[in-house]
Amino acid sequence: MPPIHLDPPNRPTHAKRQGHANRRRKREREKEAVKLESRERICPYKPRPATVKKHVKSSKPRLTKYNNDTIPIASSSYLALPGPNSSSKFPLEQLVGPQLRFKMQKVVWDGTISMPIVDEGGRYIGLCASSDASDWPDVHQSAAAALEEARGRMSWGKKDRRHRRGAFFACNVGISHGGGKTKPMVLHHNAPDDAILSGLLKHPSFIQMAGHASGIFATWAPRLHSYYADHLQKLLDNDETLTRIVNTMQLYIPFSTYILQWPFP
């Protein structure tokens, strides 16, 4: 019986190994270039001194007797626990007035001067933020019209109609974590709905409103805003599958909910 000759293993040549190494280095350089470009494009927002003077220093705080330290919170510290009768609905006439059980006070705000809401310990727990935009009412009307137009073209599931936020049409977009997910992920819908939601995200009115909200955040809570922006950027840098819902400078909003009808019939 003649001897059996086994073929030598197909070992990569020096040229192949060099080619693999070159492509790997090229991919690493491209990845680092994307990170560098992202850091240069997304820089921390710093409000102008004139903005701080006009909206913060000239604001009119509204003092309350509420004690923020007594809020019952869940073990995760992310949610507040529901109080007694939390599912009840109270009309305005049952909430305000000295003779009523809750002894609340109705405050009329005209939107021209920022009004922080302060608890009894001096902590800011809310904010009515003014805007410098002369066309601010038109921006909201334009956004409302875009939502109305999109609502008729969306396909709605049962969870979109009734959920923990209330009985109205709502759709989530952006980065989400929780609900069984093991890591942050971008929410996806069917192709037609994704295109509709993408159009809303690119709508000038929503971009202007998102920029206004981000500017308020940075102006009134600069350290928290910086912490938020830094950690979001690190998350995006380390996971190429995650993307911003608004790819515009200085907007640190990874998630949004569009309410497309209120209330749901």
C-alpha atoms as a PDB file:
ATOM      1  CA  MET A   1       0.000   0.000   0.000  1.00  0.00           C
ATOM      2  CA  PRO A   2       1.534   3.310  -1.018  1.00  0.00           C
ATOM      3  CA  PRO A   3       2.104   5.852   1.757  1.00  0.00           C
ATOM      4  CA  ILE A   4      -0.491   8.573   2.229  1.00  0.00           C
ATOM      5  CA  HIS A   5       0.854  12.074   1.883  1.00  0.00           C
ATOM      6  CA  LEU A   6      -1.060  14.697   3.895  1.00  0.00           C
ATOM      7  CA  ASP A   7      -1.151  18.250   2.539  1.00  0.00           C
ATOM      8  CA  PRO A   8       0.504  20.780   4.826  1.00  0.00           C
ATOM      9  CA  PRO A   9      -1.888  23.119   6.672  1.00  0.00           C
ATOM     10  CA  ASN A  10      -2.921  26.183   4.742  1.00  0.00           C
ATOM     11  CA  ARG A  11      -0.961  28.717   6.707  1.00  0.00           C
ATOM     12  CA  PRO A  12      -1.357  32.392   5.854  1.00  0.00           C
ATOM     13  CA  THR A  13       1.518  33.882   4.011  1.00  0.00           C
ATOM     14  CA  HIS A  14       3.390  36.916   5.228  1.00  0.00           C
ATOM     15  CA  ALA A  15       1.540  39.067   2.704  1.00  0.00           C
ATOM     16  CA  LYS A  16      -1.853  37.866   3.982  1.00  0.00           C
ATOM     17  CA  ARG A  17      -0.890  38.444   7.604  1.00  0.00           C
ATOM     18  CA  GLN A  18       0.347  41.882   6.731  1.00  0.00           C
ATOM     19  CA  GLY A  19      -2.881  42.649   4.871  1.00  0.00           C
ATOM     20  CA  HIS A  20      -5.015  41.584   7.842  1.00  0.00           C
ATOM     21  CA  ALA A  21      -2.930  43.746  10.174  1.00  0.00           C
ATOM     22  CA  ASN A  22      -3.157  46.749   7.860  1.00  0.00           C
ATOM     23  CA  ARG A  23      -6.958  46.478   7.625  1.00  0.00           C
ATOM     24  CA  ARG A  24      -7.243  46.110  11.395  1.00  0.00           C
ATOM     25  CA  ARG A  25      -5.134  49.232  11.957  1.00  0.00           C
ATOM     26  CA  LYS A  26      -7.202  51.095   9.357  1.00  0.00           C
ATOM     27  CA  ARG A  27     -10.439  50.186  11.145  1.00  0.00           C
ATOM     28  CA  GLU A  28      -8.958  51.336  14.469  1.00  0.00           C
ATOM     29  CA  ARG A  29      -7.839  54.649  12.947  1.00  0.00           C
ATOM     30  CA  GLU A  30     -11.295  55.214  11.434  1.00  0.00           C
ATOM     31  CA  LYS A  31     -12.963  54.448  14.767  1.00  0.00           C
ATOM     32  CA  GLU A  32     -10.678  56.874  16.622  1.00  0.00           C
ATOM     33  CA  ALA A  33     -11.303  59.541  13.969  1.00  0.00           C
ATOM     34  CA  VAL A  34     -15.059  59.191  14.459  1.00  0.00           C
ATOM     35  CA  LYS A  35     -14.646  59.533  18.239  1.00  0.00           C
ATOM     36  CA  LEU A  36     -12.425  62.608  17.841  1.00  0.00           C
ATOM     37  CA  GLU A  37     -14.862  64.218  15.420  1.00  0.00           C
ATOM     38  CA  SER A  38     -17.719  63.511  17.802  1.00  0.00           C
ATOM     39  CA  ARG A  39     -15.878  65.102  20.747  1.00  0.00           C
ATOM     40  CA  GLU A  40     -15.044  68.182  18.695  1.00  0.00           C
ATOM     41  CA  ARG A  41     -18.589  68.507  17.354  1.00  0.00           C
ATOM     42  CA  ILE A  42     -20.402  67.915  20.656  1.00  0.00           C
ATOM     43  CA  CYS A  43     -18.908  70.398  23.091  1.00  0.00           C
ATOM     44  CA  PRO A  44     -20.373  71.235  26.490  1.00  0.00           C
ATOM     45  CA  TYR A  45     -22.958  73.993  26.292  1.00  0.00           C
ATOM     46  CA  LYS A  46     -22.077  77.087  28.287  1.00  0.00           C
ATOM     47  CA  PRO A  47     -24.756  79.752  28.644  1.00  0.00           C
ATOM     48  CA  ARG A  48     -23.751  83.296  27.887  1.00  0.00           C
ATOM     49  CA  PRO A  49     -23.417  85.652  30.882  1.00  0.00           C
ATOM     50  CA  ALA A  50     -26.229  87.779  29.450  1.00  0.00           C
ATOM     51  CA  THR A  51     -28.496  84.716  29.365  1.00  0.00           C
ATOM     52  CA  VAL A  52     -27.730  83.875  32.987  1.00  0.00           C
ATOM     53  CA  LYS A  53     -28.334  87.463  34.037  1.00  0.00           C
ATOM     54  CA  LYS A  54     -31.646  87.704  32.214  1.00  0.00           C
ATOM     55  CA  HIS A  55     -33.155  84.313  33.039  1.00  0.00           C
ATOM     56  CA  VAL A  56     -31.515  83.189  36.294  1.00  0.00           C
ATOM     57  CA  LYS A  57     -30.519  86.253  38.283  1.00  0.00           C
ATOM     58  CA  SER A  58     -33.701  88.162  37.415  1.00  0.00           C
ATOM     59  CA  SER A  59     -36.014  85.196  37.986  1.00  0.00           C
ATOM     60  CA  LYS A  60     -38.766  85.288  40.591  1.00  0.00           C
ATOM     61  CA  PRO A  61     -38.658  82.128  42.749  1.00  0.00           C
ATOM     62  CA  ARG A  62     -41.946  80.766  44.029  1.00  0.00           C
ATOM     63  CA  LEU A  63     -41.539  79.555  47.606  1.00  0.00           C
ATOM     64  CA  THR A  64     -43.588  76.605  48.822  1.00  0.00           C
ATOM     65  CA  LYS A  65     -44.049  74.721  52.092  1.00  0.00           C
ATOM     66  CA  TYR A  66     -43.294  71.416  50.413  1.00  0.00           C
ATOM     67  CA  ASN A  67     -40.563  69.287  52.006  1.00  0.00           C
ATOM     68  CA  ASN A  68     -38.681  67.477  49.273  1.00  0.00           C
ATOM     69  CA  ASP A  69     -36.946  65.195  51.806  1.00  0.00           C
ATOM     70  CA  THR A  70     -40.247  63.503  52.681  1.00  0.00           C
ATOM     71  CA  ILE A  71     -40.972  62.197  49.163  1.00  0.00           C
ATOM     72  CA  PRO A  72     -41.415  58.396  49.352  1.00  0.00           C
ATOM     73  CA  ILE A  73     -39.173  56.822  46.714  1.00  0.00           C
ATOM     74  CA  ALA A  74     -38.709  53.307  45.352  1.00  0.00           C
ATOM     75  CA  SER A  75     -35.653  51.233  46.279  1.00  0.00           C
ATOM     76  CA  SER A  76     -34.080  52.105  42.917  1.00  0.00           C
ATOM     77  CA  SER A  77     -34.385  55.840  43.781  1.00  0.00           C
ATOM     78  CA  TYR A  78     -35.667  56.359  40.238  1.00  0.00           C
ATOM     79  CA  LEU A  79     -39.411  56.558  40.917  1.00  0.00           C
ATOM     80  CA  ALA A  80     -41.538  58.135  43.599  1.00  0.00           C
ATOM     81  CA  LEU A  81     -44.003  55.815  45.305  1.00  0.00           C
ATOM     82  CA  PRO A  82     -47.696  56.579  44.779  1.00  0.00           C
ATOM     83  CA  GLY A  83     -49.400  58.321  47.673  1.00  0.00           C
ATOM     84  CA  PRO A  84     -52.897  57.829  49.028  1.00  0.00           C
ATOM     85  CA  ASN A  85     -55.610  58.456  46.449  1.00  0.00           C
ATOM     86  CA  SER A  86     -52.911  58.886  43.813  1.00  0.00           C
ATOM     87  CA  SER A  87     -55.182  57.425  41.153  1.00  0.00           C
ATOM     88  CA  SER A  88     -57.986  59.852  41.957  1.00  0.00           C
ATOM     89  CA  LYS A  89     -58.753  62.817  39.739  1.00  0.00           C
ATOM     90  CA  PHE A  90     -59.364  66.193  41.369  1.00  0.00           C
ATOM     91  CA  PRO A  91     -60.767  69.190  39.493  1.00  0.00           C
ATOM     92  CA  LEU A  92     -59.076  72.552  40.065  1.00  0.00           C
ATOM     93  CA  GLU A  93     -61.848  73.838  42.342  1.00  0.00           C
ATOM     94  CA  GLN A  94     -61.123  70.998  44.788  1.00  0.00           C
ATOM     95  CA  LEU A  95     -57.399  71.762  44.974  1.00  0.00           C
ATOM     96  CA  VAL A  96     -57.123  75.520  45.551  1.00  0.00           C
ATOM     97  CA  GLY A  97     -58.544  77.689  48.285  1.00  0.00           C
ATOM     98  CA  PRO A  98     -57.943  78.067  52.043  1.00  0.00           C
ATOM     99  CA  GLN A  99     -60.914  75.899  53.049  1.00  0.00           C
ATOM    100  CA  LEU A 100     -59.970  72.870  50.996  1.00  0.00           C
ATOM    101  CA  ARG A 101     -58.139  69.779  52.159  1.00  0.00           C
ATOM    102  CA  PHE A 102     -55.017  70.276  50.034  1.00  0.00           C
ATOM    103  CA  LYS A 103     -54.745  74.044  50.574  1.00  0.00           C
ATOM    104  CA  MET A 104     -53.042  74.614  47.270  1.00  0.00           C
ATOM    105  CA  GLN A 105     -52.643  77.978  45.599  1.00  0.00           C
ATOM    106  CA  LYS A 106     -53.157  78.714  41.927  1.00  0.00           C
ATOM    107  CA  VAL A 107     -50.295  80.711  40.411  1.00  0.00           C
ATOM    108  CA  VAL A 108     -50.753  82.429  37.064  1.00  0.00           C
ATOM    109  CA  TRP A 109     -47.543  82.622  35.011  1.00  0.00           C
ATOM    110  CA  ASP A 110     -47.325  84.730  31.855  1.00  0.00           C
ATOM    111  CA  GLY A 111     -44.154  83.064  30.536  1.00  0.00           C
ATOM    112  CA  THR A 112     -42.087  86.251  30.311  1.00  0.00           C
ATOM    113  CA  ILE A 113     -39.903  85.776  33.419  1.00  0.00           C
ATOM    114  CA  SER A 114     -38.502  82.453  34.622  1.00  0.00           C
ATOM    115  CA  MET A 115     -40.051  81.215  37.844  1.00  0.00           C
ATOM    116  CA  PRO A 116     -38.235  78.515  39.852  1.00  0.00           C
ATOM    117  CA  ILE A 117     -40.360  76.505  42.293  1.00  0.00           C
ATOM    118  CA  VAL A 118     -38.545  76.149  45.620  1.00  0.00           C
ATOM    119  CA  ASP A 119     -39.278  73.838  48.548  1.00  0.00           C
ATOM    120  CA  GLU A 120     -39.091  74.879  52.188  1.00  0.00           C
ATOM    121  CA  GLY A 121     -35.415  73.914  52.348  1.00  0.00           C
ATOM    122  CA  GLY A 122     -34.432  76.237  49.504  1.00  0.00           C
ATOM    123  CA  ARG A 123     -34.059  73.424  46.946  1.00  0.00           C
ATOM    124  CA  TYR A 124     -35.281  74.015  43.397  1.00  0.00           C
ATOM    125  CA  ILE A 125     -37.849  71.315  42.633  1.00  0.00           C
ATOM    126  CA  GLY A 126     -39.367  72.761  39.469  1.00  0.00           C
ATOM    127  CA  LEU A 127     -39.010  75.516  36.919  1.00  0.00           C
ATOM    128  CA  CYS A 128     -41.233  77.555  34.654  1.00  0.00           C
ATOM    129  CA  ALA A 129     -38.682  78.679  32.049  1.00  0.00           C
ATOM    130  CA  SER A 130     -39.264  81.673  29.805  1.00  0.00           C
ATOM    131  CA  SER A 131     -38.175  81.929  26.177  1.00  0.00           C
ATOM    132  CA  ASP A 132     -36.571  84.723  24.153  1.00  0.00           C
ATOM    133  CA  ALA A 133     -38.057  83.475  20.871  1.00  0.00           C
ATOM    134  CA  SER A 134     -40.588  85.939  19.481  1.00  0.00           C
ATOM    135  CA  ASP A 135     -42.165  83.160  17.408  1.00  0.00           C
ATOM    136  CA  TRP A 136     -42.478  80.738  20.341  1.00  0.00           C
ATOM    137  CA  PRO A 137     -46.299  80.335  20.017  1.00  0.00           C
ATOM    138  CA  ASP A 138     -45.883  79.679  16.278  1.00  0.00           C
ATOM    139  CA  VAL A 139     -43.250  77.015  17.009  1.00  0.00           C
ATOM    140  CA  HIS A 140     -45.696  75.133  19.226  1.00  0.00           C
ATOM    141  CA  GLN A 141     -48.505  75.475  16.691  1.00  0.00           C
ATOM    142  CA  SER A 142     -46.234  74.118  13.968  1.00  0.00           C
ATOM    143  CA  ALA A 143     -45.193  71.156  16.146  1.00  0.00           C
ATOM    144  CA  ALA A 144     -48.836  70.404  17.005  1.00  0.00           C
ATOM    145  CA  ALA A 145     -49.772  70.442  13.320  1.00  0.00           C
ATOM    146  CA  ALA A 146     -46.919  68.021  12.532  1.00  0.00           C
ATOM    147  CA  LEU A 147     -48.122  65.634  15.243  1.00  0.00           C
ATOM    148  CA  GLU A 148     -51.688  65.808  13.953  1.00  0.00           C
ATOM    149  CA  GLU A 149     -50.529  65.024  10.426  1.00  0.00           C
ATOM    150  CA  ALA A 150     -48.357  62.117  11.603  1.00  0.00           C
ATOM    151  CA  ARG A 151     -51.056  60.577  13.791  1.00  0.00           C
ATOM    152  CA  GLY A 152     -53.248  59.598  10.864  1.00  0.00           C
ATOM    153  CA  ARG A 153     -50.370  57.773   9.144  1.00  0.00           C
ATOM    154  CA  MET A 154     -49.070  55.789  12.136  1.00  0.00           C
ATOM    155  CA  SER A 155     -49.975  52.159  12.830  1.00  0.00           C
ATOM    156  CA  TRP A 156     -50.984  51.772  16.465  1.00  0.00           C
ATOM    157  CA  GLY A 157     -50.668  48.773  18.750  1.00  0.00           C
ATOM    158  CA  LYS A 158     -52.502  48.163  21.994  1.00  0.00           C
ATOM    159  CA  LYS A 159     -49.514  49.283  24.110  1.00  0.00           C
ATOM    160  CA  ASP A 160     -49.361  52.565  22.195  1.00  0.00           C
ATOM    161  CA  ARG A 161     -52.959  53.402  23.091  1.00  0.00           C
ATOM    162  CA  ARG A 162     -53.073  52.616  26.807  1.00  0.00           C
ATOM    163  CA  HIS A 163     -49.989  52.686  29.011  1.00  0.00           C
ATOM    164  CA  ARG A 164     -48.747  53.976  32.343  1.00  0.00           C
ATOM    165  CA  ARG A 165     -48.638  57.572  31.108  1.00  0.00           C
ATOM    166  CA  GLY A 166     -52.382  57.622  30.475  1.00  0.00           C
ATOM    167  CA  ALA A 167     -55.088  56.856  27.927  1.00  0.00           C
ATOM    168  CA  PHE A 168     -53.702  58.557  24.826  1.00  0.00           C
ATOM    169  CA  PHE A 169     -51.675  57.748  21.728  1.00  0.00           C
ATOM    170  CA  ALA A 170     -47.926  57.837  22.440  1.00  0.00           C
ATOM    171  CA  CYS A 171     -44.845  56.461  20.724  1.00  0.00           C
ATOM    172  CA  ASN A 172     -41.298  56.206  22.100  1.00  0.00           C
ATOM    173  CA  VAL A 173     -38.169  56.867  20.053  1.00  0.00           C
ATOM    174  CA  GLY A 174     -34.456  56.846  20.848  1.00  0.00           C
ATOM    175  CA  ILE A 175     -32.272  54.897  23.264  1.00  0.00           C
ATOM    176  CA  SER A 176     -34.038  52.758  25.855  1.00  0.00           C
ATOM    177  CA  HIS A 177     -32.881  50.497  28.685  1.00  0.00           C
ATOM    178  CA  GLY A 178     -35.182  48.345  30.763  1.00  0.00           C
ATOM    179  CA  GLY A 179     -38.289  46.327  30.089  1.00  0.00           C
ATOM    180  CA  GLY A 180     -36.270  43.137  29.701  1.00  0.00           C
ATOM    181  CA  LYS A 181     -33.382  44.678  27.770  1.00  0.00           C
ATOM    182  CA  THR A 182     -29.930  43.638  28.966  1.00  0.00           C
ATOM    183  CA  LYS A 183     -28.243  46.770  27.620  1.00  0.00           C
ATOM    184  CA  PRO A 184     -29.175  50.154  26.139  1.00  0.00           C
ATOM    185  CA  MET A 185     -30.679  49.753  22.676  1.00  0.00           C
ATOM    186  CA  VAL A 186     -32.239  51.928  19.996  1.00  0.00           C
ATOM    187  CA  LEU A 187     -35.986  51.428  19.735  1.00  0.00           C
ATOM    188  CA  HIS A 188     -37.189  50.248  16.337  1.00  0.00           C
ATOM    189  CA  HIS A 189     -40.631  50.309  14.757  1.00  0.00           C
ATOM    190  CA  ASN A 190     -41.906  49.002  11.457  1.00  0.00           C
ATOM    191  CA  ALA A 191     -40.414  50.739   8.418  1.00  0.00           C
ATOM    192  CA  PRO A 192     -43.283  53.183   7.651  1.00  0.00           C
ATOM    193  CA  ASP A 193     -43.552  54.274  11.293  1.00  0.00           C
ATOM    194  CA  ASP A 194     -39.781  54.692  11.595  1.00  0.00           C
ATOM    195  CA  ALA A 195     -39.849  57.024   8.599  1.00  0.00           C
ATOM    196  CA  ILE A 196     -42.686  59.089  10.120  1.00  0.00           C
ATOM    197  CA  LEU A 197     -40.947  59.392  13.492  1.00  0.00           C
ATOM    198  CA  SER A 198     -37.651  60.241  11.800  1.00  0.00           C
ATOM    199  CA  GLY A 199     -39.427  63.078  10.014  1.00  0.00           C
ATOM    200  CA  LEU A 200     -40.732  64.418  13.323  1.00  0.00           C
ATOM    201  CA  LEU A 201     -37.235  64.310  14.824  1.00  0.00           C
ATOM    202  CA  LYS A 202     -35.938  66.402  11.911  1.00  0.00           C
ATOM    203  CA  HIS A 203     -38.818  68.883  12.071  1.00  0.00           C
ATOM    204  CA  PRO A 204     -37.454  72.405  12.728  1.00  0.00           C
ATOM    205  CA  SER A 205     -40.001  73.098  15.477  1.00  0.00           C
ATOM    206  CA  PHE A 206     -39.063  70.010  17.462  1.00  0.00           C
ATOM    207  CA  ILE A 207     -35.356  70.740  17.019  1.00  0.00           C
ATOM    208  CA  GLN A 208     -35.936  74.287  18.319  1.00  0.00           C
ATOM    209  CA  MET A 209     -37.958  73.014  21.280  1.00  0.00           C
ATOM    210  CA  ALA A 210     -35.318  70.375  22.069  1.00  0.00           C
ATOM    211  CA  GLY A 211     -32.577  72.997  21.915  1.00  0.00           C
ATOM    212  CA  HIS A 212     -34.563  75.239  24.240  1.00  0.00           C
ATOM    213  CA  ALA A 213     -34.965  72.392  26.753  1.00  0.00           C
ATOM    214  CA  SER A 214     -31.260  71.512  26.555  1.00  0.00           C
ATOM    215  CA  GLY A 215     -30.284  75.161  27.040  1.00  0.00           C
ATOM    216  CA  ILE A 216     -32.551  75.422  30.094  1.00  0.00           C
ATOM    217  CA  PHE A 217     -30.965  72.284  31.515  1.00  0.00           C
ATOM    218  CA  ALA A 218     -27.427  73.636  31.059  1.00  0.00           C
ATOM    219  CA  THR A 219     -28.287  77.102  32.352  1.00  0.00           C
ATOM    220  CA  TRP A 220     -30.051  76.070  35.534  1.00  0.00           C
ATOM    221  CA  ALA A 221     -28.193  72.832  36.367  1.00  0.00           C
ATOM    222  CA  PRO A 222     -24.768  73.108  34.673  1.00  0.00           C
ATOM    223  CA  ARG A 223     -23.001  70.426  36.717  1.00  0.00           C
ATOM    224  CA  LEU A 224     -25.791  67.886  36.259  1.00  0.00           C
ATOM    225  CA  HIS A 225     -25.991  68.758  32.567  1.00  0.00           C
ATOM    226  CA  SER A 226     -22.229  68.235  32.173  1.00  0.00           C
ATOM    227  CA  TYR A 227     -22.435  64.875  33.976  1.00  0.00           C
ATOM    228  CA  TYR A 228     -25.334  63.839  31.758  1.00  0.00           C
ATOM    229  CA  ALA A 229     -23.560  64.919  28.545  1.00  0.00           C
ATOM    230  CA  ASP A 230     -20.226  63.278  29.437  1.00  0.00           C
ATOM    231  CA  HIS A 231     -21.744  59.908  30.274  1.00  0.00           C
ATOM    232  CA  LEU A 232     -24.028  59.907  27.243  1.00  0.00           C
ATOM    233  CA  GLN A 233     -21.062  60.652  24.991  1.00  0.00           C
ATOM    234  CA  LYS A 234     -19.035  57.801  26.543  1.00  0.00           C
ATOM    235  CA  LEU A 235     -21.961  55.464  25.991  1.00  0.00           C
ATOM    236  CA  LEU A 236     -22.209  56.464  22.333  1.00  0.00           C
ATOM    237  CA  ASP A 237     -18.441  56.163  21.839  1.00  0.00           C
ATOM    238  CA  ASN A 238     -18.394  52.616  23.178  1.00  0.00           C
ATOM    239  CA  ASP A 239     -21.437  51.276  21.331  1.00  0.00           C
ATOM    240  CA  GLU A 240     -21.642  52.001  17.616  1.00  0.00           C
ATOM    241  CA  THR A 241     -25.241  50.728  17.463  1.00  0.00           C
ATOM    242  CA  LEU A 242     -26.469  53.677  19.559  1.00  0.00           C
ATOM    243  CA  THR A 243     -27.278  56.981  17.883  1.00  0.00           C
ATOM    244  CA  ARG A 244     -28.615  60.360  18.927  1.00  0.00           C
ATOM    245  CA  ILE A 245     -32.238  61.041  18.099  1.00  0.00           C
ATOM    246  CA  VAL A 246     -31.333  64.649  17.299  1.00  0.00           C
ATOM    247  CA  ASN A 247     -27.908  64.859  15.648  1.00  0.00           C
ATOM    248  CA  THR A 248     -27.440  68.541  16.361  1.00  0.00           C
ATOM    249  CA  MET A 249     -24.733  70.287  18.338  1.00  0.00           C
ATOM    250  CA  GLN A 250     -25.231  70.531  22.102  1.00  0.00           C
ATOM    251  CA  LEU A 251     -28.454  68.466  22.271  1.00  0.00           C
ATOM    252  CA  TYR A 252     -28.107  65.738  24.879  1.00  0.00           C
ATOM    253  CA  ILE A 253     -31.500  64.084  24.506  1.00  0.00           C
ATOM    254  CA  PRO A 254     -31.279  60.311  23.929  1.00  0.00           C
ATOM    255  CA  PHE A 255     -34.985  59.534  24.231  1.00  0.00           C
ATOM    256  CA  SER A 256     -38.329  61.104  23.453  1.00  0.00           C
ATOM    257  CA  THR A 257     -42.027  60.305  23.618  1.00  0.00           C
ATOM    258  CA  TYR A 258     -44.413  61.735  21.065  1.00  0.00           C
ATOM    259  CA  ILE A 259     -47.971  62.159  22.330  1.00  0.00           C
ATOM    260  CA  LEU A 260     -50.087  62.143  19.198  1.00  0.00           C
ATOM    261  CA  GLN A 261     -53.577  62.433  20.673  1.00  0.00           C
ATOM    262  CA  TRP A 262     -54.867  63.662  24.008  1.00  0.00           C
ATOM    263  CA  PRO A 263     -57.108  62.336  25.400  1.00  0.00           C
ATOM    264  CA  PHE A 264     -57.719  58.982  23.782  1.00  0.00           C
ATOM    265  CA  PRO A 265     -61.438  58.533  23.081  1.00  0.00           C
END
